[in-house]
């Protein structure tokens, strides 16, 4: 842990925000997993925006979850076609 904290450099610049045109131009399958209790990002707004602009996207707004989503990756594996289930 000491090594991590000694070398950790938090991001200090503004996170990029994609325009509606940039988001709607995505043609690849898209999985968006968000924590409903995220204190860093407006996950509810993000989920609504992605759903509006990319109706074919898979959006998973996880109740009770915050910014750090820790699980076994079952949903991601299923989305990628690995056959795993959550």
Protein backbone atom coordinates (compact mmCIF):
# COMPACT_ATOMS: atom_id res chain seq x y z
CA UNK A 1 0.00 0.00 0.00
CA UNK A 2 2.87 2.37 0.73
CA UNK A 3 4.17 1.95 -2.82
CA UNK A 4 0.71 2.68 -4.26
CA UNK A 5 0.25 5.84 -2.21
CA UNK A 6 3.78 7.04 -2.94
CA UNK A 7 3.27 6.75 -6.73
CA UNK A 8 -0.44 7.53 -7.04
CA UNK A 9 -1.16 10.64 -9.10
CA UNK A 10 -4.84 11.60 -8.95
CA UNK A 11 -6.34 13.10 -12.07
CA UNK A 12 -6.70 16.84 -11.60
CA UNK A 13 -7.86 18.00 -14.99
CA UNK A 14 -11.50 18.16 -15.98
CA UNK A 15 -12.98 14.89 -17.19
CA UNK A 16 -13.99 14.98 -20.85
CA UNK A 17 -17.69 15.23 -21.58
CA UNK A 18 -18.71 13.87 -24.95
CA UNK A 19 -21.23 15.83 -26.98
CA UNK A 20 -24.59 14.32 -27.92
CA UNK A 21 -23.35 14.00 -31.51
CA UNK A 22 -20.20 12.18 -30.39
CA UNK A 23 -22.17 9.78 -28.20
CA UNK A 24 -24.84 9.07 -30.81
CA UNK A 25 -22.10 8.28 -33.33
CA UNK A 26 -21.04 5.19 -31.36
CA UNK A 27 -21.93 2.13 -33.41
CA UNK A 28 -20.24 -0.56 -31.32
CA UNK A 29 -22.21 -2.48 -28.69
CA UNK A 30 -22.05 -0.49 -25.46
CA UNK A 31 -22.34 -1.57 -21.83
CA UNK A 32 -22.54 1.23 -19.25
CA UNK A 33 -22.41 0.19 -15.58
CA UNK A 34 -22.99 2.96 -13.03
CA UNK A 35 -23.38 3.17 -9.28
CA UNK A 36 -26.63 4.90 -8.35
CA UNK A 37 -24.96 6.45 -5.27
CA UNK A 38 -21.88 7.79 -7.09
CA UNK A 39 -20.68 11.00 -5.40
CA UNK A 40 -18.21 11.87 -8.16
CA UNK A 41 -20.40 11.63 -11.26
CA UNK A 42 -24.10 12.19 -11.90
CA UNK A 43 -24.87 8.56 -12.72
CA UNK A 44 -28.63 9.09 -13.05
CA UNK A 45 -28.12 11.82 -15.66
CA UNK A 46 -25.53 9.69 -17.46
CA UNK A 47 -27.86 6.68 -17.57
CA UNK A 48 -30.74 8.80 -18.91
CA UNK A 49 -28.52 10.46 -21.50
CA UNK A 50 -27.03 7.19 -22.78
CA UNK A 51 -30.50 5.61 -22.92
CA UNK A 52 -31.85 8.58 -24.87
CA UNK A 53 -28.97 8.82 -27.33
CA UNK A 54 -28.14 5.12 -27.69
CA UNK A 55 -31.32 3.09 -27.16
CA UNK A 56 -29.52 -0.17 -28.06
CA UNK A 57 -26.94 0.33 -25.27
CA UNK A 58 -27.09 -1.82 -22.16
CA UNK A 59 -27.31 0.48 -19.14
CA UNK A 60 -27.01 -0.95 -15.63
CA UNK A 61 -27.62 1.59 -12.84
CA UNK A 62 -26.78 -0.36 -9.69
CA UNK A 63 -28.81 0.59 -6.63
CA UNK A 64 -26.75 1.14 -3.49
CA UNK A 65 -23.44 1.19 -5.38
CA UNK A 66 -21.07 4.13 -5.43
CA UNK A 67 -18.23 5.14 -7.73
CA UNK A 68 -16.11 2.03 -7.21
CA UNK A 69 -17.90 -1.01 -8.57
CA UNK A 70 -16.31 -4.22 -7.37
CA UNK A 71 -17.70 -7.57 -8.45
CA UNK A 72 -16.68 -10.71 -10.31
CA UNK A 73 -17.23 -9.21 -13.78
CA UNK A 74 -20.03 -11.63 -14.63
CA UNK A 75 -22.14 -8.97 -16.35
CA UNK A 76 -19.18 -7.83 -18.43
CA UNK A 77 -18.30 -11.39 -19.43
CA UNK A 78 -21.91 -12.07 -20.40
CA UNK A 79 -22.02 -8.84 -22.43
CA UNK A 80 -18.82 -9.83 -24.23
CA UNK A 81 -20.23 -13.28 -24.94
CA UNK A 82 -18.01 -15.26 -22.60
CA UNK A 83 -21.02 -17.12 -21.26
CA UNK A 84 -20.50 -16.05 -17.65
CA UNK A 85 -23.53 -15.00 -15.65
CA UNK A 86 -23.79 -12.79 -12.61
